């Protein structure tokens, strides 16, 4: 299906004055959807970020009285829909980032049985080994600390002798 591109000036005031002040921007968005559905003959209308921000720019109680928009009617695998944005702005929708597949039971079993390890698993294994090695090194005291401890013990025994001598 060929893309159909049109520009419209959508009047919003007549619609949003029918509702209370706190619902005006919400009603303005609904009015944009309704207008585009009627004029482009589609059931699915996708309002892009810039248009939404323009309507909500002055808060939800004070939307603009009219909006100039560009509309593209697109037919894709999702069906036929209309993309709406401000005039002069891009009509390409933002691409949603692909979600990473969660590790399933089969992947866990493969890892335990001895299947090929991924880079991440190899890095984690290496980290564990390094940490274990570091713990072993810490357990054996160095010669300097042993010397300091011996000096402390010698001083303590001298102090004990002096204290016992003074008591007699």
Protein backbone atom coordinates (compact mmCIF):
# COMPACT_ATOMS: atom_id res chain seq x y z
CA UNK A 1 0.00 0.00 0.00
CA UNK A 2 1.33 3.43 -0.90
CA UNK A 3 1.82 5.88 1.93
CA UNK A 4 -0.67 8.75 2.02
CA UNK A 5 0.68 11.95 3.55
CA UNK A 6 -1.52 14.91 4.48
CA UNK A 7 -1.35 18.08 6.59
CA UNK A 8 -4.23 19.16 8.81
CA UNK A 9 -5.05 21.94 11.26
CA UNK A 10 -7.08 20.23 13.97
CA UNK A 11 -9.45 22.43 16.03
CA UNK A 12 -9.37 21.30 19.65
CA UNK A 13 -11.15 24.07 21.59
CA UNK A 14 -14.69 23.01 20.67
CA UNK A 15 -14.00 19.55 22.06
CA UNK A 16 -12.02 20.27 25.22
CA UNK A 17 -14.45 22.94 26.46
CA UNK A 18 -17.03 20.16 26.94
CA UNK A 19 -15.14 18.64 29.89
CA UNK A 20 -13.83 19.94 33.25
CA UNK A 21 -10.55 21.87 33.27
CA UNK A 22 -8.46 19.02 34.68
CA UNK A 23 -9.42 16.73 31.78
CA UNK A 24 -8.82 19.14 28.91
CA UNK A 25 -5.51 17.78 27.56
CA UNK A 26 -6.82 14.23 27.72
CA UNK A 27 -9.88 15.27 25.74
CA UNK A 28 -7.65 17.13 23.25
CA UNK A 29 -5.70 13.90 22.58
CA UNK A 30 -8.99 12.05 22.07
CA UNK A 31 -10.15 14.80 19.69
CA UNK A 32 -6.94 14.39 17.62
CA UNK A 33 -7.52 10.63 17.42
CA UNK A 34 -11.18 11.07 16.46
CA UNK A 35 -10.34 13.68 13.80
CA UNK A 36 -7.63 11.50 12.21
CA UNK A 37 -9.85 8.39 12.27
CA UNK A 38 -12.57 10.28 10.45
CA UNK A 39 -10.40 11.99 7.85
CA UNK A 40 -7.86 9.23 7.12
CA UNK A 41 -10.35 6.33 7.45
CA UNK A 42 -8.25 4.25 9.84
CA UNK A 43 -8.99 2.64 13.19
CA UNK A 44 -5.47 2.80 14.63
CA UNK A 45 -3.91 6.23 15.24
CA UNK A 46 -0.42 6.57 16.69
CA UNK A 47 0.38 9.97 18.15
CA UNK A 48 4.12 10.59 18.25
CA UNK A 49 6.07 12.05 21.14
CA UNK A 50 6.47 15.64 19.86
CA UNK A 51 2.72 16.14 19.31
CA UNK A 52 1.91 14.71 22.71
CA UNK A 53 4.46 17.02 24.35
CA UNK A 54 3.06 20.02 22.44
CA UNK A 55 -0.46 19.35 23.71
CA UNK A 56 0.78 18.91 27.29
CA UNK A 57 3.29 21.80 27.13
CA UNK A 58 1.11 24.22 29.13
CA UNK A 59 -0.12 21.55 31.51
CA UNK A 60 -3.14 19.32 31.42
CA UNK A 61 -5.56 22.18 32.12
CA UNK A 62 -4.54 24.42 29.21
CA UNK A 63 -4.01 22.67 25.84
CA UNK A 64 -3.60 24.68 22.62
CA UNK A 65 -6.83 25.64 20.82
CA UNK A 66 -5.63 24.12 17.53
CA UNK A 67 -2.73 22.05 16.30
CA UNK A 68 -1.06 21.78 12.89
CA UNK A 69 -0.15 18.19 12.15
CA UNK A 70 1.19 15.95 9.41
CA UNK A 71 -0.41 12.53 9.04
CA UNK A 72 0.94 9.49 7.20
CA UNK A 73 -1.25 6.48 6.53
CA UNK A 74 0.94 3.38 6.69
CA UNK A 75 0.22 -0.26 5.96
CA UNK A 76 2.60 -2.69 7.67
CA UNK A 77 2.52 -6.13 9.21
CA UNK A 78 0.56 -4.62 12.13
CA UNK A 79 -2.19 -3.56 9.73
CA UNK A 80 -3.17 -0.12 8.49
CA UNK A 81 -2.57 2.77 10.86
CA UNK A 82 -1.93 6.51 10.85
CA UNK A 83 1.13 8.19 12.35
CA UNK A 84 0.55 11.76 13.55
CA UNK A 85 3.13 14.40 14.42
CA UNK A 86 3.65 18.16 14.33
CA UNK A 87 4.33 19.74 10.95
CA UNK A 88 8.06 19.73 10.24
CA UNK A 89 8.85 16.88 12.64
CA UNK A 90 9.90 13.35 11.71
CA UNK A 91 7.10 10.85 11.14
CA UNK A 92 9.29 7.82 11.87
CA UNK A 93 8.18 6.09 15.03
CA UNK A 94 10.81 5.30 17.64
CA UNK A 95 12.14 1.78 17.38
CA UNK A 96 11.59 -0.21 20.53
CA UNK A 97 14.75 -1.94 21.73
CA UNK A 98 14.65 -5.69 21.36
CA UNK A 99 14.25 -7.51 24.63
CA UNK A 100 16.94 -10.00 25.54
CA UNK A 101 15.79 -13.56 25.78
CA UNK A 102 15.76 -14.81 29.34
CA UNK A 103 17.87 -17.83 30.12
CA UNK A 104 15.62 -20.87 30.01
CA UNK A 105 15.87 -24.24 31.68
CA UNK A 106 17.66 -25.80 28.70
CA UNK A 107 20.41 -23.18 28.84
CA UNK A 108 20.94 -23.83 32.54
CA UNK A 109 21.10 -27.59 31.98
CA UNK A 110 23.61 -27.18 29.14
CA UNK A 111 25.84 -25.11 31.41
CA UNK A 112 25.82 -27.76 34.14
CA UNK A 113 26.21 -30.76 31.85
CA UNK A 114 29.29 -29.32 30.23
CA UNK A 115 28.13 -27.50 27.13
CA UNK A 116 30.14 -24.62 25.71
CA UNK A 117 30.50 -21.72 28.10
CA UNK A 118 29.70 -18.22 27.02
CA UNK A 119 32.13 -15.35 27.47
CA UNK A 120 30.16 -14.10 30.44
CA UNK A 121 30.35 -17.46 32.20
CA UNK A 122 34.09 -17.68 31.52
CA UNK A 123 34.62 -14.19 32.96
CA UNK A 124 32.64 -15.07 36.08
CA UNK A 125 34.67 -18.25 36.55
CA UNK A 126 37.92 -16.29 36.19
CA UNK A 127 36.73 -13.73 38.76
CA UNK A 128 35.95 -16.48 41.25
CA UNK A 129 39.41 -17.99 40.80
CA UNK A 130 41.11 -14.63 41.30
CA UNK A 131 39.12 -13.95 44.46
CA UNK A 132 39.91 -17.37 45.90
CA UNK A 133 43.60 -16.85 45.18
CA UNK A 134 43.48 -13.45 46.88
CA UNK A 135 41.85 -15.00 49.97
CA UNK A 136 44.60 -17.62 50.21
CA UNK A 137 47.28 -14.95 50.06
CA UNK A 138 45.61 -12.95 52.84
CA UNK A 139 45.48 -15.94 55.19
CA UNK A 140 49.26 -16.35 55.32
CA UNK A 141 50.63 -13.40 57.31
CA UNK A 142 53.64 -11.61 55.95
CA UNK A 143 57.00 -11.53 57.77
CA UNK A 144 56.58 -7.87 58.66
CA UNK A 145 53.33 -8.47 60.49
CA UNK A 146 54.88 -11.42 62.31
CA UNK A 147 57.78 -9.24 63.46
CA UNK A 148 55.39 -6.54 64.69
CA UNK A 149 53.33 -9.09 66.58
CA UNK A 150 56.47 -10.53 68.20
CA UNK A 151 57.53 -7.05 69.34
CA UNK A 152 54.09 -6.43 70.79
CA UNK A 153 54.23 -9.72 72.70
CA UNK A 154 57.68 -8.84 74.05
CA UNK A 155 56.44 -5.45 75.26
CA UNK A 156 53.41 -7.05 76.91
CA UNK A 157 55.55 -9.54 78.80
CA UNK A 158 57.83 -6.71 80.00
CA UNK A 159 54.79 -4.77 81.22
CA UNK A 160 53.49 -7.86 83.03
CA UNK A 161 56.85 -8.34 84.79
CA UNK A 162 56.89 -4.71 85.91
CA UNK A 163 53.33 -4.94 87.21
CA UNK A 164 54.02 -8.16 89.13
CA UNK A 165 57.25 -6.70 90.59
CA UNK A 166 55.37 -3.60 91.84
CA UNK A 167 52.74 -5.74 93.54
CA UNK A 168 55.33 -7.62 95.65
